[in-house]
N, C-alpha and C. Protein backbone atom coordinates (compact mmCIF):
# COMPACT_ATOMS: atom_id res chain seq x y z
N UNK A 1 -42.07 13.44 -86.84
CA UNK A 1 -43.07 13.21 -85.83
C UNK A 1 -42.38 12.92 -84.52
N UNK A 2 -42.97 13.34 -83.43
CA UNK A 2 -42.45 13.06 -82.09
C UNK A 2 -43.59 12.55 -81.23
N UNK A 3 -43.23 11.71 -80.26
CA UNK A 3 -44.23 11.20 -79.34
C UNK A 3 -43.58 10.90 -78.00
N UNK A 4 -44.39 10.94 -76.94
CA UNK A 4 -43.90 10.65 -75.60
C UNK A 4 -43.52 9.18 -75.54
N UNK A 5 -42.54 8.84 -74.74
CA UNK A 5 -42.07 7.47 -74.61
C UNK A 5 -43.22 6.56 -74.19
N UNK A 6 -43.51 5.60 -75.04
CA UNK A 6 -44.59 4.65 -74.80
C UNK A 6 -44.31 3.38 -75.58
N UNK A 7 -44.94 2.29 -75.17
CA UNK A 7 -44.84 1.06 -75.93
C UNK A 7 -46.11 0.83 -76.75
N UNK A 8 -47.05 1.77 -76.70
CA UNK A 8 -48.25 1.69 -77.53
C UNK A 8 -47.90 2.30 -78.89
N UNK A 9 -47.43 1.44 -79.78
CA UNK A 9 -46.82 1.92 -81.02
C UNK A 9 -47.65 1.66 -82.27
N UNK A 10 -48.78 0.97 -82.16
CA UNK A 10 -49.55 0.61 -83.37
C UNK A 10 -49.90 1.82 -84.23
N UNK A 11 -50.48 2.90 -83.69
CA UNK A 11 -50.81 4.03 -84.57
C UNK A 11 -49.57 4.70 -85.16
N UNK A 12 -48.50 4.71 -84.43
CA UNK A 12 -47.25 5.33 -84.92
C UNK A 12 -46.69 4.49 -86.07
N UNK A 13 -46.67 3.18 -85.89
CA UNK A 13 -46.19 2.30 -86.95
C UNK A 13 -47.07 2.39 -88.19
N UNK A 14 -48.38 2.48 -88.00
CA UNK A 14 -49.28 2.62 -89.14
C UNK A 14 -48.93 3.87 -89.94
N UNK A 15 -48.67 4.97 -89.27
CA UNK A 15 -48.30 6.22 -89.97
C UNK A 15 -46.95 6.08 -90.68
N UNK A 16 -45.98 5.46 -90.01
CA UNK A 16 -44.64 5.34 -90.59
C UNK A 16 -44.60 4.41 -91.80
N UNK A 17 -45.57 3.50 -91.89
CA UNK A 17 -45.57 2.52 -92.97
C UNK A 17 -46.61 2.82 -94.06
N UNK A 18 -47.29 3.94 -93.95
CA UNK A 18 -48.38 4.25 -94.87
C UNK A 18 -47.94 4.31 -96.33
N UNK A 19 -46.73 4.74 -96.59
CA UNK A 19 -46.26 4.90 -97.97
C UNK A 19 -45.33 3.77 -98.42
N UNK A 20 -45.29 2.70 -97.65
CA UNK A 20 -44.39 1.59 -97.93
C UNK A 20 -45.12 0.53 -98.76
N UNK A 21 -44.47 -0.03 -99.80
CA UNK A 21 -45.12 -1.08 -100.58
C UNK A 21 -45.57 -2.25 -99.69
N UNK A 22 -46.74 -2.76 -99.98
CA UNK A 22 -47.35 -3.79 -99.11
C UNK A 22 -46.50 -5.05 -98.99
N UNK A 23 -45.74 -5.39 -100.01
CA UNK A 23 -44.97 -6.64 -99.96
C UNK A 23 -43.84 -6.62 -98.93
N UNK A 24 -43.44 -5.44 -98.44
CA UNK A 24 -42.37 -5.38 -97.43
C UNK A 24 -42.85 -4.76 -96.11
N UNK A 25 -44.13 -4.45 -96.02
CA UNK A 25 -44.63 -3.78 -94.81
C UNK A 25 -44.45 -4.61 -93.55
N UNK A 26 -44.74 -5.90 -93.59
CA UNK A 26 -44.65 -6.74 -92.38
C UNK A 26 -43.22 -6.79 -91.85
N UNK A 27 -42.27 -6.97 -92.75
CA UNK A 27 -40.86 -7.04 -92.36
C UNK A 27 -40.39 -5.71 -91.77
N UNK A 28 -40.72 -4.62 -92.45
CA UNK A 28 -40.30 -3.31 -91.97
C UNK A 28 -41.01 -2.92 -90.69
N UNK A 29 -42.25 -3.36 -90.52
CA UNK A 29 -42.98 -3.09 -89.27
C UNK A 29 -42.25 -3.73 -88.09
N UNK A 30 -41.80 -4.97 -88.27
CA UNK A 30 -41.05 -5.65 -87.21
C UNK A 30 -39.79 -4.87 -86.86
N UNK A 31 -39.04 -4.44 -87.87
CA UNK A 31 -37.81 -3.70 -87.63
C UNK A 31 -38.04 -2.35 -86.98
N UNK A 32 -39.02 -1.61 -87.48
CA UNK A 32 -39.32 -0.30 -86.89
C UNK A 32 -39.85 -0.43 -85.47
N UNK A 33 -40.67 -1.44 -85.23
CA UNK A 33 -41.17 -1.66 -83.87
C UNK A 33 -40.00 -1.91 -82.92
N UNK A 34 -39.06 -2.72 -83.33
CA UNK A 34 -37.89 -3.00 -82.50
C UNK A 34 -37.11 -1.73 -82.22
N UNK A 35 -36.90 -0.91 -83.24
CA UNK A 35 -36.14 0.33 -83.07
C UNK A 35 -36.87 1.31 -82.15
N UNK A 36 -38.19 1.43 -82.31
CA UNK A 36 -38.96 2.36 -81.48
C UNK A 36 -39.05 1.89 -80.03
N UNK A 37 -39.19 0.58 -79.83
CA UNK A 37 -39.19 0.04 -78.47
C UNK A 37 -37.85 0.32 -77.81
N UNK A 38 -36.76 0.10 -78.55
CA UNK A 38 -35.43 0.38 -77.99
C UNK A 38 -35.30 1.84 -77.57
N UNK A 39 -35.78 2.76 -78.42
CA UNK A 39 -35.68 4.19 -78.11
C UNK A 39 -36.50 4.56 -76.88
N UNK A 40 -37.74 4.08 -76.81
CA UNK A 40 -38.63 4.43 -75.70
C UNK A 40 -38.24 3.72 -74.41
N UNK A 41 -37.96 2.43 -74.51
CA UNK A 41 -37.71 1.61 -73.31
C UNK A 41 -36.27 1.74 -72.80
N UNK A 42 -35.32 1.52 -73.69
CA UNK A 42 -33.92 1.52 -73.26
C UNK A 42 -33.31 2.92 -73.29
N UNK A 43 -33.67 3.71 -74.30
CA UNK A 43 -33.14 5.07 -74.39
C UNK A 43 -33.77 5.99 -73.36
N UNK A 44 -35.08 6.13 -73.43
CA UNK A 44 -35.79 7.08 -72.56
C UNK A 44 -36.30 6.46 -71.26
N UNK A 45 -36.06 5.19 -71.07
CA UNK A 45 -36.49 4.49 -69.84
C UNK A 45 -38.00 4.66 -69.58
N UNK A 46 -38.78 4.74 -70.67
CA UNK A 46 -40.24 4.90 -70.61
C UNK A 46 -40.66 6.13 -69.81
N UNK A 47 -39.79 7.12 -69.76
CA UNK A 47 -40.11 8.38 -69.08
C UNK A 47 -41.04 9.18 -69.99
N UNK A 48 -42.31 9.38 -69.58
CA UNK A 48 -43.26 10.07 -70.46
C UNK A 48 -42.91 11.53 -70.72
N UNK A 49 -41.99 12.10 -69.96
CA UNK A 49 -41.58 13.48 -70.22
C UNK A 49 -40.52 13.55 -71.32
N UNK A 50 -39.99 12.40 -71.74
CA UNK A 50 -38.99 12.36 -72.81
C UNK A 50 -39.65 11.93 -74.11
N UNK A 51 -39.16 12.49 -75.21
CA UNK A 51 -39.72 12.26 -76.53
C UNK A 51 -38.86 11.31 -77.36
N UNK A 52 -39.53 10.58 -78.23
CA UNK A 52 -38.89 9.84 -79.31
C UNK A 52 -39.30 10.57 -80.58
N UNK A 53 -38.35 10.88 -81.44
CA UNK A 53 -38.70 11.53 -82.70
C UNK A 53 -38.28 10.65 -83.87
N UNK A 54 -39.07 10.74 -84.93
CA UNK A 54 -38.82 9.94 -86.13
C UNK A 54 -38.95 10.85 -87.34
N UNK A 55 -37.94 10.80 -88.19
CA UNK A 55 -37.99 11.50 -89.47
C UNK A 55 -37.98 10.43 -90.57
N UNK A 56 -38.87 10.57 -91.52
CA UNK A 56 -38.99 9.61 -92.61
C UNK A 56 -38.70 10.30 -93.93
N UNK A 57 -37.99 9.61 -94.81
CA UNK A 57 -37.77 10.13 -96.16
C UNK A 57 -37.71 8.97 -97.14
N UNK A 58 -38.00 9.28 -98.39
CA UNK A 58 -37.89 8.29 -99.47
C UNK A 58 -37.25 8.98 -100.66
N UNK A 59 -36.30 8.29 -101.26
CA UNK A 59 -35.60 8.81 -102.42
C UNK A 59 -35.15 7.64 -103.30
N UNK A 60 -35.63 7.61 -104.53
CA UNK A 60 -35.23 6.59 -105.51
C UNK A 60 -35.37 5.16 -104.97
N UNK A 61 -36.48 4.90 -104.32
CA UNK A 61 -36.75 3.55 -103.82
C UNK A 61 -36.05 3.20 -102.53
N UNK A 62 -35.34 4.14 -101.92
CA UNK A 62 -34.72 3.91 -100.62
C UNK A 62 -35.55 4.61 -99.56
N UNK A 63 -36.04 3.83 -98.64
CA UNK A 63 -36.85 4.33 -97.53
C UNK A 63 -35.95 4.47 -96.32
N UNK A 64 -35.98 5.63 -95.67
CA UNK A 64 -35.09 5.89 -94.54
C UNK A 64 -35.85 6.47 -93.36
N UNK A 65 -35.44 6.06 -92.18
CA UNK A 65 -35.99 6.57 -90.93
C UNK A 65 -34.83 6.97 -90.02
N UNK A 66 -34.95 8.11 -89.38
CA UNK A 66 -33.99 8.54 -88.37
C UNK A 66 -34.77 8.61 -87.06
N UNK A 67 -34.38 7.78 -86.10
CA UNK A 67 -35.07 7.67 -84.82
C UNK A 67 -34.15 8.20 -83.73
N UNK A 68 -34.64 9.18 -82.97
CA UNK A 68 -33.84 9.80 -81.91
C UNK A 68 -34.56 9.67 -80.58
N UNK A 69 -33.77 9.48 -79.52
CA UNK A 69 -34.33 9.49 -78.17
C UNK A 69 -33.57 10.50 -77.33
N UNK A 70 -34.04 10.73 -76.12
CA UNK A 70 -33.42 11.70 -75.22
C UNK A 70 -32.70 11.01 -74.06
N UNK A 71 -32.28 9.78 -74.30
CA UNK A 71 -31.57 9.03 -73.27
C UNK A 71 -30.10 9.38 -73.20
N UNK A 72 -29.37 8.59 -72.42
CA UNK A 72 -27.94 8.83 -72.23
C UNK A 72 -27.08 8.18 -73.31
N UNK A 73 -27.70 7.37 -74.18
CA UNK A 73 -26.96 6.74 -75.27
C UNK A 73 -26.37 5.40 -74.88
N UNK A 74 -25.82 4.71 -75.85
CA UNK A 74 -25.18 3.43 -75.63
C UNK A 74 -24.21 3.15 -76.77
N UNK A 75 -23.39 2.12 -76.58
CA UNK A 75 -22.46 1.70 -77.63
C UNK A 75 -22.94 0.37 -78.17
N UNK A 76 -23.48 0.35 -79.38
CA UNK A 76 -23.93 -0.92 -79.94
C UNK A 76 -22.72 -1.81 -80.19
N UNK A 77 -22.83 -3.05 -79.75
CA UNK A 77 -21.73 -3.99 -79.96
C UNK A 77 -22.21 -5.26 -80.62
N UNK A 78 -23.25 -5.12 -81.43
CA UNK A 78 -23.79 -6.26 -82.15
C UNK A 78 -22.87 -6.59 -83.31
N UNK A 79 -22.38 -7.80 -83.35
CA UNK A 79 -21.50 -8.22 -84.43
C UNK A 79 -22.23 -9.24 -85.29
N UNK A 80 -23.37 -8.81 -85.83
CA UNK A 80 -24.19 -9.76 -86.57
C UNK A 80 -24.64 -9.18 -87.88
N UNK A 81 -23.75 -8.48 -88.57
CA UNK A 81 -24.13 -7.81 -89.81
C UNK A 81 -24.52 -8.81 -90.89
N UNK A 82 -23.99 -10.03 -90.84
CA UNK A 82 -24.29 -10.99 -91.89
C UNK A 82 -24.85 -12.29 -91.36
N UNK A 83 -24.79 -12.54 -90.08
CA UNK A 83 -25.22 -13.83 -89.55
C UNK A 83 -26.71 -13.95 -89.40
N UNK A 84 -27.21 -15.14 -89.56
CA UNK A 84 -28.63 -15.40 -89.34
C UNK A 84 -28.88 -15.63 -87.85
N UNK A 85 -30.13 -15.44 -87.44
CA UNK A 85 -30.46 -15.55 -86.02
C UNK A 85 -30.13 -16.93 -85.46
N UNK A 86 -30.25 -17.99 -86.28
CA UNK A 86 -29.96 -19.32 -85.77
C UNK A 86 -28.48 -19.53 -85.50
N UNK A 87 -27.63 -18.59 -85.91
CA UNK A 87 -26.21 -18.67 -85.62
C UNK A 87 -25.84 -17.97 -84.32
N UNK A 88 -26.82 -17.31 -83.69
CA UNK A 88 -26.54 -16.61 -82.44
C UNK A 88 -26.30 -17.60 -81.32
N UNK A 89 -25.42 -17.27 -80.37
CA UNK A 89 -25.22 -18.15 -79.23
C UNK A 89 -26.51 -18.29 -78.43
N UNK A 90 -26.68 -19.44 -77.77
CA UNK A 90 -27.89 -19.69 -77.02
C UNK A 90 -28.12 -18.67 -75.91
N UNK A 91 -27.05 -18.16 -75.31
CA UNK A 91 -27.20 -17.23 -74.20
C UNK A 91 -27.27 -15.77 -74.65
N UNK A 92 -27.42 -15.52 -75.94
CA UNK A 92 -27.48 -14.16 -76.46
C UNK A 92 -28.71 -13.48 -75.88
N UNK A 93 -28.56 -12.26 -75.40
CA UNK A 93 -29.66 -11.57 -74.72
C UNK A 93 -30.75 -11.15 -75.69
N UNK A 94 -31.94 -10.91 -75.15
CA UNK A 94 -33.05 -10.39 -75.95
C UNK A 94 -32.65 -9.10 -76.65
N UNK A 95 -31.95 -8.22 -75.94
CA UNK A 95 -31.55 -6.95 -76.52
C UNK A 95 -30.61 -7.16 -77.71
N UNK A 96 -29.70 -8.07 -77.58
CA UNK A 96 -28.79 -8.38 -78.68
C UNK A 96 -29.52 -8.92 -79.88
N UNK A 97 -30.52 -9.74 -79.64
CA UNK A 97 -31.31 -10.27 -80.74
C UNK A 97 -32.02 -9.15 -81.48
N UNK A 98 -32.54 -8.18 -80.73
CA UNK A 98 -33.23 -7.05 -81.35
C UNK A 98 -32.31 -6.28 -82.28
N UNK A 99 -31.09 -6.04 -81.84
CA UNK A 99 -30.13 -5.33 -82.68
C UNK A 99 -29.81 -6.13 -83.93
N UNK A 100 -29.70 -7.42 -83.78
CA UNK A 100 -29.43 -8.27 -84.94
C UNK A 100 -30.60 -8.30 -85.91
N UNK A 101 -31.82 -8.26 -85.39
CA UNK A 101 -32.99 -8.18 -86.25
C UNK A 101 -32.90 -6.94 -87.13
N UNK A 102 -32.49 -5.82 -86.54
CA UNK A 102 -32.35 -4.59 -87.32
C UNK A 102 -31.37 -4.78 -88.47
N UNK A 103 -30.25 -5.44 -88.20
CA UNK A 103 -29.24 -5.66 -89.23
C UNK A 103 -29.73 -6.62 -90.31
N UNK A 104 -30.63 -7.53 -89.95
CA UNK A 104 -31.15 -8.47 -90.93
C UNK A 104 -32.21 -7.83 -91.82
N UNK A 105 -32.98 -6.90 -91.29
CA UNK A 105 -34.09 -6.31 -92.04
C UNK A 105 -33.65 -5.13 -92.89
N UNK A 106 -32.81 -4.26 -92.34
CA UNK A 106 -32.46 -3.02 -93.03
C UNK A 106 -31.12 -3.14 -93.73
N UNK A 107 -30.98 -2.39 -94.82
CA UNK A 107 -29.72 -2.37 -95.56
C UNK A 107 -28.67 -1.53 -94.85
N UNK A 108 -29.13 -0.50 -94.15
CA UNK A 108 -28.22 0.36 -93.40
C UNK A 108 -28.74 0.52 -91.99
N UNK A 109 -27.88 0.30 -91.01
CA UNK A 109 -28.18 0.49 -89.59
C UNK A 109 -27.00 1.27 -89.02
N UNK A 110 -27.25 2.53 -88.66
CA UNK A 110 -26.14 3.38 -88.23
C UNK A 110 -26.56 4.24 -87.04
N UNK A 111 -25.79 4.15 -85.95
CA UNK A 111 -26.01 4.99 -84.78
C UNK A 111 -25.08 6.18 -84.82
N UNK A 112 -25.53 7.30 -84.25
CA UNK A 112 -24.63 8.43 -84.10
C UNK A 112 -23.61 8.10 -83.00
N UNK A 113 -22.63 8.94 -82.85
CA UNK A 113 -21.54 8.69 -81.90
C UNK A 113 -22.04 8.56 -80.47
N UNK A 114 -23.06 9.32 -80.12
CA UNK A 114 -23.60 9.30 -78.75
C UNK A 114 -24.51 8.10 -78.49
N UNK A 115 -24.98 7.44 -79.53
CA UNK A 115 -25.87 6.30 -79.36
C UNK A 115 -27.30 6.71 -79.03
N UNK A 116 -27.69 7.92 -79.44
CA UNK A 116 -29.04 8.40 -79.19
C UNK A 116 -29.85 8.59 -80.47
N UNK A 117 -29.22 8.31 -81.60
CA UNK A 117 -29.91 8.48 -82.88
C UNK A 117 -29.54 7.32 -83.80
N UNK A 118 -30.56 6.75 -84.40
CA UNK A 118 -30.40 5.58 -85.25
C UNK A 118 -30.95 5.89 -86.64
N UNK A 119 -30.16 5.61 -87.67
CA UNK A 119 -30.64 5.76 -89.04
C UNK A 119 -30.80 4.38 -89.65
N UNK A 120 -32.00 4.12 -90.16
CA UNK A 120 -32.31 2.85 -90.81
C UNK A 120 -32.69 3.13 -92.25
N UNK A 121 -32.19 2.33 -93.18
CA UNK A 121 -32.54 2.49 -94.58
C UNK A 121 -32.81 1.13 -95.21
N UNK A 122 -33.73 1.14 -96.16
CA UNK A 122 -34.08 -0.08 -96.89
C UNK A 122 -34.35 0.28 -98.34
N UNK A 123 -33.66 -0.38 -99.24
CA UNK A 123 -33.89 -0.23 -100.67
C UNK A 123 -35.01 -1.19 -101.04
N UNK A 124 -36.06 -0.64 -101.65
CA UNK A 124 -37.21 -1.46 -102.03
C UNK A 124 -37.43 -1.31 -103.53
N UNK A 125 -37.34 -2.42 -104.23
CA UNK A 125 -37.59 -2.41 -105.66
C UNK A 125 -39.05 -2.78 -105.88
N UNK A 126 -39.76 -1.91 -106.56
CA UNK A 126 -41.18 -2.18 -106.85
C UNK A 126 -41.28 -3.26 -107.91
N UNK A 127 -42.25 -4.13 -107.72
CA UNK A 127 -42.53 -5.17 -108.70
C UNK A 127 -43.22 -4.52 -109.90
N UNK A 128 -42.72 -4.75 -111.07
CA UNK A 128 -43.35 -4.21 -112.27
C UNK A 128 -44.36 -5.22 -112.80
N UNK A 129 -45.44 -4.71 -113.29
CA UNK A 129 -46.46 -5.58 -113.88
C UNK A 129 -45.92 -6.21 -115.16
N UNK A 130 -46.24 -7.45 -115.34
CA UNK A 130 -45.79 -8.15 -116.55
C UNK A 130 -46.63 -7.70 -117.74
N UNK A 131 -45.98 -7.46 -118.85
CA UNK A 131 -46.70 -7.07 -120.07
C UNK A 131 -46.97 -8.33 -120.88
N UNK A 132 -48.14 -8.37 -121.44
CA UNK A 132 -48.50 -9.52 -122.29
C UNK A 132 -48.56 -9.13 -123.72
């Protein structure tokens, strides 16, 4: 799916989360919203002539999204793969916090070399009903 750069993301997020188990939807919605805002706002500079595209796939309980923008790219320098948000320095920027949120929510966070494409993955184990 592709859409013009916008911060009106509710219908897009609803579509992207339609096949996600309900117990992880809120967490993944936060992470995907952060990634889409970054692509539209920081990547495409909210230029409505530029597109954000999202590809979704699921395989063996791993949900993956590839988010691309048409911006100039960036070099992610977030060093928070394992740290909790309360360990961040007080002067850490909003943008840095967003990148750290991605690392806390998703199992895989990977940018392409140009910094214009982000792959996010999350392994979700379905709860099995208890047998009596």
